[in-house]
Amino acid sequence: MNKFKIMHPEDSPFAELKGKPYKPPKGCMVVMNGGGKFLLWDNSDPYFPTLKPLSEALYKYDVVWKH
């Protein structure tokens, strides 16, 4: 299983976020599908969980792989 960390890029327009780890909203987590796409899984409503591309939540991001 591949482990990863999503980071705000160094060229982020928000100085306070540059190079810092992305923390998803409460009830959400970042997952990767079998095709290598990153998704934001929102389980805040247990009856209707949703998945959306991470690019809809973050304009730009970096992925750091953990070994």
N, C-alpha and C. Protein backbone atom coordinates (compact mmCIF):
# COMPACT_ATOMS: atom_id res chain seq x y z
N MET A 1 0.83 -1.17 0.00
CA MET A 1 0.00 0.00 0.00
C MET A 1 0.89 1.25 0.00
N ASN A 2 0.59 2.18 -0.89
CA ASN A 2 1.34 3.44 -0.97
C ASN A 2 0.77 4.44 0.02
N LYS A 3 1.65 5.08 0.76
CA LYS A 3 1.23 6.13 1.68
C LYS A 3 1.75 7.45 1.14
N PHE A 4 0.96 8.48 1.34
CA PHE A 4 1.31 9.78 0.79
C PHE A 4 0.84 10.89 1.71
N LYS A 5 1.37 12.07 1.45
CA LYS A 5 0.95 13.26 2.17
C LYS A 5 0.70 14.34 1.12
N ILE A 6 -0.41 15.05 1.23
CA ILE A 6 -0.74 16.14 0.32
C ILE A 6 -0.23 17.44 0.94
N MET A 7 0.52 18.20 0.16
CA MET A 7 1.13 19.44 0.65
C MET A 7 0.67 20.62 -0.20
N HIS A 8 0.57 21.78 0.44
CA HIS A 8 0.35 23.01 -0.30
C HIS A 8 1.67 23.33 -1.01
N PRO A 9 1.63 23.80 -2.26
CA PRO A 9 2.88 24.05 -2.99
C PRO A 9 3.63 25.27 -2.44
N GLU A 10 4.93 25.31 -2.73
CA GLU A 10 5.77 26.43 -2.29
C GLU A 10 5.37 27.74 -2.98
N ASP A 11 4.72 27.65 -4.14
CA ASP A 11 4.30 28.87 -4.84
C ASP A 11 2.82 29.19 -4.59
N SER A 12 2.31 28.74 -3.48
CA SER A 12 0.92 29.01 -3.11
C SER A 12 0.72 30.52 -2.95
N PRO A 13 -0.43 31.04 -3.39
CA PRO A 13 -0.68 32.48 -3.22
C PRO A 13 -0.92 32.87 -1.76
N PHE A 14 -1.12 31.89 -0.90
CA PHE A 14 -1.35 32.14 0.52
C PHE A 14 -0.07 31.85 1.29
N ALA A 15 0.60 32.90 1.73
CA ALA A 15 1.92 32.76 2.38
C ALA A 15 1.88 31.82 3.58
N GLU A 16 0.79 31.83 4.34
CA GLU A 16 0.72 31.01 5.56
C GLU A 16 0.58 29.52 5.26
N LEU A 17 0.28 29.14 4.00
CA LEU A 17 0.10 27.73 3.65
C LEU A 17 1.28 27.14 2.88
N LYS A 18 2.20 27.96 2.42
CA LYS A 18 3.31 27.51 1.57
C LYS A 18 4.07 26.35 2.21
N GLY A 19 4.11 25.21 1.52
CA GLY A 19 4.87 24.06 1.97
C GLY A 19 4.31 23.32 3.17
N LYS A 20 3.10 23.66 3.59
CA LYS A 20 2.50 23.01 4.75
C LYS A 20 1.57 21.88 4.32
N PRO A 21 1.37 20.88 5.19
CA PRO A 21 0.47 19.77 4.85
C PRO A 21 -0.97 20.25 4.72
N TYR A 22 -1.70 19.64 3.78
CA TYR A 22 -3.12 19.93 3.60
C TYR A 22 -3.91 19.18 4.65
N LYS A 23 -4.80 19.88 5.33
CA LYS A 23 -5.67 19.25 6.31
C LYS A 23 -7.09 19.34 5.78
N PRO A 24 -7.67 18.20 5.39
CA PRO A 24 -9.04 18.23 4.86
C PRO A 24 -10.04 18.68 5.92
N PRO A 25 -11.19 19.18 5.50
CA PRO A 25 -12.23 19.57 6.46
C PRO A 25 -12.66 18.36 7.31
N LYS A 26 -13.26 18.65 8.45
CA LYS A 26 -13.73 17.60 9.35
C LYS A 26 -14.70 16.68 8.61
N GLY A 27 -14.54 15.38 8.78
CA GLY A 27 -15.40 14.39 8.12
C GLY A 27 -14.92 14.03 6.72
N CYS A 28 -13.79 14.58 6.29
CA CYS A 28 -13.26 14.31 4.95
C CYS A 28 -11.87 13.69 5.04
N MET A 29 -11.50 12.97 4.00
CA MET A 29 -10.15 12.44 3.90
C MET A 29 -9.77 12.33 2.43
N VAL A 30 -8.46 12.40 2.18
CA VAL A 30 -7.95 12.27 0.81
C VAL A 30 -7.64 10.81 0.57
N VAL A 31 -8.12 10.30 -0.58
CA VAL A 31 -7.87 8.92 -0.97
C VAL A 31 -7.35 8.91 -2.40
N MET A 32 -6.70 7.82 -2.78
CA MET A 32 -6.22 7.66 -4.14
C MET A 32 -6.90 6.43 -4.73
N ASN A 33 -7.45 6.57 -5.93
CA ASN A 33 -8.09 5.41 -6.55
C ASN A 33 -7.05 4.55 -7.26
N GLY A 34 -7.47 3.44 -7.82
CA GLY A 34 -6.56 2.51 -8.48
C GLY A 34 -5.86 3.09 -9.69
N GLY A 35 -6.42 4.13 -10.26
CA GLY A 35 -5.82 4.79 -11.42
C GLY A 35 -4.85 5.89 -11.05
N GLY A 36 -4.64 6.11 -9.75
CA GLY A 36 -3.69 7.13 -9.31
C GLY A 36 -4.28 8.52 -9.17
N LYS A 37 -5.59 8.66 -9.25
CA LYS A 37 -6.24 9.96 -9.09
C LYS A 37 -6.53 10.20 -7.60
N PHE A 38 -6.33 11.42 -7.17
CA PHE A 38 -6.59 11.78 -5.78
C PHE A 38 -8.00 12.35 -5.65
N LEU A 39 -8.71 11.86 -4.64
CA LEU A 39 -10.11 12.24 -4.43
C LEU A 39 -10.30 12.70 -3.00
N LEU A 40 -11.29 13.56 -2.80
CA LEU A 40 -11.67 13.99 -1.46
C LEU A 40 -12.95 13.26 -1.11
N TRP A 41 -12.87 12.41 -0.11
CA TRP A 41 -14.02 11.61 0.34
C TRP A 41 -14.65 12.32 1.52
N ASP A 42 -15.91 12.70 1.38
CA ASP A 42 -16.64 13.42 2.43
C ASP A 42 -17.64 12.45 3.04
N ASN A 43 -17.39 12.08 4.29
CA ASN A 43 -18.25 11.15 5.00
C ASN A 43 -18.99 11.85 6.15
N SER A 44 -19.15 13.18 6.04
CA SER A 44 -19.83 13.91 7.11
C SER A 44 -21.30 13.54 7.21
N ASP A 45 -21.90 13.08 6.11
CA ASP A 45 -23.27 12.56 6.13
C ASP A 45 -23.17 11.05 5.92
N PRO A 46 -23.34 10.23 6.96
CA PRO A 46 -23.12 8.78 6.82
C PRO A 46 -24.05 8.10 5.82
N TYR A 47 -25.18 8.72 5.50
CA TYR A 47 -26.10 8.11 4.54
C TYR A 47 -25.76 8.45 3.09
N PHE A 48 -25.06 9.57 2.88
CA PHE A 48 -24.73 10.00 1.52
C PHE A 48 -23.29 10.48 1.42
N PRO A 49 -22.31 9.58 1.56
CA PRO A 49 -20.92 10.00 1.39
C PRO A 49 -20.68 10.41 -0.06
N THR A 50 -19.79 11.37 -0.25
CA THR A 50 -19.50 11.85 -1.60
C THR A 50 -18.01 11.78 -1.90
N LEU A 51 -17.70 11.65 -3.16
CA LEU A 51 -16.33 11.69 -3.66
C LEU A 51 -16.25 12.78 -4.71
N LYS A 52 -15.18 13.58 -4.65
CA LYS A 52 -14.95 14.55 -5.71
C LYS A 52 -13.45 14.65 -5.94
N PRO A 53 -13.05 15.04 -7.13
CA PRO A 53 -11.61 15.18 -7.39
C PRO A 53 -10.98 16.18 -6.42
N LEU A 54 -9.79 15.88 -5.96
CA LEU A 54 -9.10 16.77 -5.04
C LEU A 54 -8.86 18.13 -5.69
N SER A 55 -8.73 18.15 -7.00
CA SER A 55 -8.50 19.41 -7.70
C SER A 55 -9.68 20.37 -7.57
N GLU A 56 -10.85 19.88 -7.18
CA GLU A 56 -11.98 20.77 -6.94
C GLU A 56 -11.86 21.47 -5.59
N ALA A 57 -11.12 20.88 -4.67
CA ALA A 57 -10.93 21.48 -3.35
C ALA A 57 -9.64 22.30 -3.29
N LEU A 58 -8.61 21.83 -4.00
CA LEU A 58 -7.32 22.52 -4.04
C LEU A 58 -6.95 22.80 -5.49
N TYR A 59 -6.67 24.05 -5.79
CA TYR A 59 -6.29 24.41 -7.15
C TYR A 59 -4.99 23.72 -7.57
N LYS A 60 -4.04 23.68 -6.62
CA LYS A 60 -2.73 23.11 -6.90
C LYS A 60 -2.23 22.45 -5.63
N TYR A 61 -1.56 21.31 -5.75
CA TYR A 61 -1.03 20.62 -4.58
C TYR A 61 0.16 19.76 -4.98
N ASP A 62 0.97 19.40 -4.00
CA ASP A 62 2.10 18.51 -4.20
C ASP A 62 1.82 17.22 -3.43
N VAL A 63 2.39 16.12 -3.94
CA VAL A 63 2.25 14.82 -3.28
C VAL A 63 3.63 14.38 -2.82
N VAL A 64 3.74 14.03 -1.55
CA VAL A 64 4.98 13.50 -1.00
C VAL A 64 4.71 12.05 -0.65
N TRP A 65 5.47 11.15 -1.26
CA TRP A 65 5.29 9.72 -1.03
C TRP A 65 6.10 9.28 0.17
N LYS A 66 5.50 8.47 1.02
CA LYS A 66 6.20 7.92 2.19
C LYS A 66 6.60 6.50 1.84
N HIS A 67 7.81 6.13 2.22
CA HIS A 67 8.32 4.78 1.93
C HIS A 67 8.37 3.97 3.18
